Amino acid sequence: MLGNSKAFSGFSVDDIAKAATFYREMLGIAVEETPMGLTLKFDGGTNVFVYPKPDHQAAAFTILNFPVSDIDETVDALTAADVVFERYEEGMPAPQDEKGILRNDDPAQGPVGIAWFKDPAGNILSVLQQ
């Protein structure tokens, strides 16, 4: 029934101006500002809607994943842009390396490499090796 729909995801933030700056300037994403919030525009026509919510509470899980061709290069570039990577210890199959990347030798068990960071509203995002 909905298989042909152009579905999109959305999430809230507590400060739309800070979010626009973060996604546009720190992450290099095309951001369209609308009266309802922000539309993050990705290659291939994918959009993500970001809306303001005064009583916003960040989720305790990853809400947006960015597949990248070179995770080390991407983590280095984001770190240079002052993005801080999260460290998780409990429930992880292996420790994260010095960059904050969790590396996995078995692609059947998940991404070969993944690193998590937060937006200004505390939403958890990730970059993962494609």
Protein backbone atom coordinates (compact mmCIF):
# COMPACT_ATOMS: atom_id res chain seq x y z
CA MET A 1 0.00 0.00 0.00
CA LEU A 2 2.74 2.51 0.93
CA GLY A 3 5.61 0.90 -0.98
CA ASN A 4 5.45 3.54 -3.71
CA SER A 5 5.36 6.45 -1.27
CA LYS A 6 8.30 8.85 -1.15
CA ALA A 7 8.59 8.40 2.60
CA PHE A 8 10.91 10.60 4.60
CA SER A 9 12.10 10.76 8.16
CA GLY A 10 11.92 13.62 10.61
CA PHE A 11 13.10 14.52 14.07
CA SER A 12 12.92 17.42 16.48
CA VAL A 13 15.45 19.91 17.80
CA ASP A 14 15.21 22.53 20.51
CA ASP A 15 16.85 25.35 18.52
CA ILE A 16 16.17 25.48 14.78
CA ALA A 17 18.78 28.20 14.12
CA LYS A 18 21.56 26.19 15.81
CA ALA A 19 20.46 23.09 13.90
CA ALA A 20 20.52 24.95 10.57
CA THR A 21 24.04 26.19 11.23
CA PHE A 22 25.27 22.76 12.36
CA TYR A 23 23.83 20.80 9.44
CA ARG A 24 24.73 23.41 6.83
CA GLU A 25 28.12 24.65 8.01
CA MET A 26 29.62 21.80 10.03
CA LEU A 27 28.24 18.85 8.05
CA GLY A 28 27.98 20.50 4.61
CA ILE A 29 24.38 19.48 4.00
CA ALA A 30 22.03 21.53 1.81
CA VAL A 31 19.45 22.99 4.17
CA GLU A 32 16.17 24.56 3.10
CA GLU A 33 14.49 26.68 5.75
CA THR A 34 10.70 26.66 5.77
CA PRO A 35 8.09 28.08 8.14
CA MET A 36 7.65 24.54 9.56
CA GLY A 37 11.35 23.81 10.12
CA LEU A 38 14.28 22.62 8.04
CA THR A 39 14.55 20.24 5.13
CA LEU A 40 17.90 18.50 4.86
CA LYS A 41 18.43 17.75 1.17
CA PHE A 42 20.61 14.84 0.10
CA ASP A 43 21.79 13.60 -3.28
CA GLY A 44 19.31 11.29 -4.96
CA GLY A 45 16.31 13.31 -3.78
CA THR A 46 16.23 12.06 -0.19
CA ASN A 47 15.04 14.62 2.35
CA VAL A 48 14.90 14.66 6.13
CA PHE A 49 12.59 17.03 7.99
CA VAL A 50 13.85 18.78 11.15
CA TYR A 51 11.25 20.59 13.21
CA PRO A 52 11.41 22.76 16.32
CA LYS A 53 9.97 21.40 19.54
CA PRO A 54 10.29 23.47 22.73
CA ASP A 55 10.18 20.40 25.00
CA HIS A 56 12.52 18.38 22.74
CA GLN A 57 14.19 15.35 24.26
CA ALA A 58 16.90 13.65 22.27
CA ALA A 59 16.44 9.95 21.56
CA ALA A 60 18.81 7.45 23.18
CA PHE A 61 19.51 5.85 19.80
CA THR A 62 20.92 6.84 16.41
CA ILE A 63 18.36 8.83 14.44
CA LEU A 64 20.35 9.54 11.26
CA ASN A 65 23.14 7.53 9.60
CA PHE A 66 25.52 8.86 6.95
CA PRO A 67 27.13 6.13 4.81
CA VAL A 68 30.56 7.33 3.64
CA SER A 69 33.18 5.87 1.32
CA ASP A 70 36.10 6.54 3.70
CA ILE A 71 35.24 6.66 7.39
CA ASP A 72 38.73 7.69 8.50
CA GLU A 73 38.80 10.65 6.13
CA THR A 74 35.28 11.68 7.16
CA VAL A 75 35.96 11.39 10.89
CA ASP A 76 39.16 13.41 10.46
CA ALA A 77 37.31 16.15 8.53
CA LEU A 78 34.47 16.29 11.06
CA THR A 79 36.93 16.38 13.96
CA ALA A 80 38.71 19.29 12.26
CA ALA A 81 35.30 21.03 12.09
CA ASP A 82 34.99 20.61 15.89
CA VAL A 83 32.57 17.68 15.82
CA VAL A 84 33.10 15.57 18.95
CA PHE A 85 32.68 11.82 18.64
CA GLU A 86 30.86 9.85 21.31
CA ARG A 87 32.43 7.01 23.28
CA TYR A 88 30.39 3.95 24.14
CA GLU A 89 31.68 1.05 26.19
CA GLU A 90 28.73 -1.02 27.35
CA GLY A 91 27.19 -3.45 24.89
CA MET A 92 29.79 -2.86 22.18
CA PRO A 93 31.34 -5.83 20.36
CA ALA A 94 34.77 -4.16 20.44
CA PRO A 95 36.34 -0.98 21.78
CA GLN A 96 36.35 2.17 19.67
CA ASP A 97 39.73 3.29 18.37
CA GLU A 98 41.45 6.59 19.18
CA LYS A 99 39.27 8.40 16.61
CA GLY A 100 36.06 7.02 18.11
CA ILE A 101 35.49 4.50 15.31
CA LEU A 102 34.13 1.07 16.16
CA ARG A 103 35.71 -1.30 13.65
CA ASN A 104 34.21 -4.63 12.73
CA ASP A 105 36.02 -7.33 10.73
CA ASP A 106 32.81 -9.19 9.91
CA PRO A 107 30.40 -7.20 7.68
CA ALA A 108 27.71 -9.79 8.45
CA GLN A 109 27.74 -8.47 12.03
CA GLY A 110 27.23 -4.80 11.12
CA PRO A 111 29.09 -1.90 9.57
CA VAL A 112 32.82 -2.35 8.97
CA GLY A 113 33.32 0.99 10.71
CA ILE A 114 30.95 3.33 12.55
CA ALA A 115 31.39 6.46 14.67
CA TRP A 116 28.71 8.42 16.53
CA PHE A 117 28.33 12.12 17.26
CA LYS A 118 25.55 14.46 18.37
CA ASP A 119 23.90 17.51 16.88
CA PRO A 120 23.39 20.64 19.05
CA ALA A 121 20.05 19.23 20.28
CA GLY A 122 21.68 16.01 21.50
CA ASN A 123 20.35 13.83 18.67
CA ILE A 124 22.70 10.92 17.94
CA LEU A 125 24.03 10.70 14.37
CA SER A 126 26.56 8.34 12.83
CA VAL A 127 28.95 8.01 9.95
CA LEU A 128 29.50 4.48 8.76
CA GLN A 129 31.75 2.85 6.24
CA GLN A 130 29.80 2.11 3.08
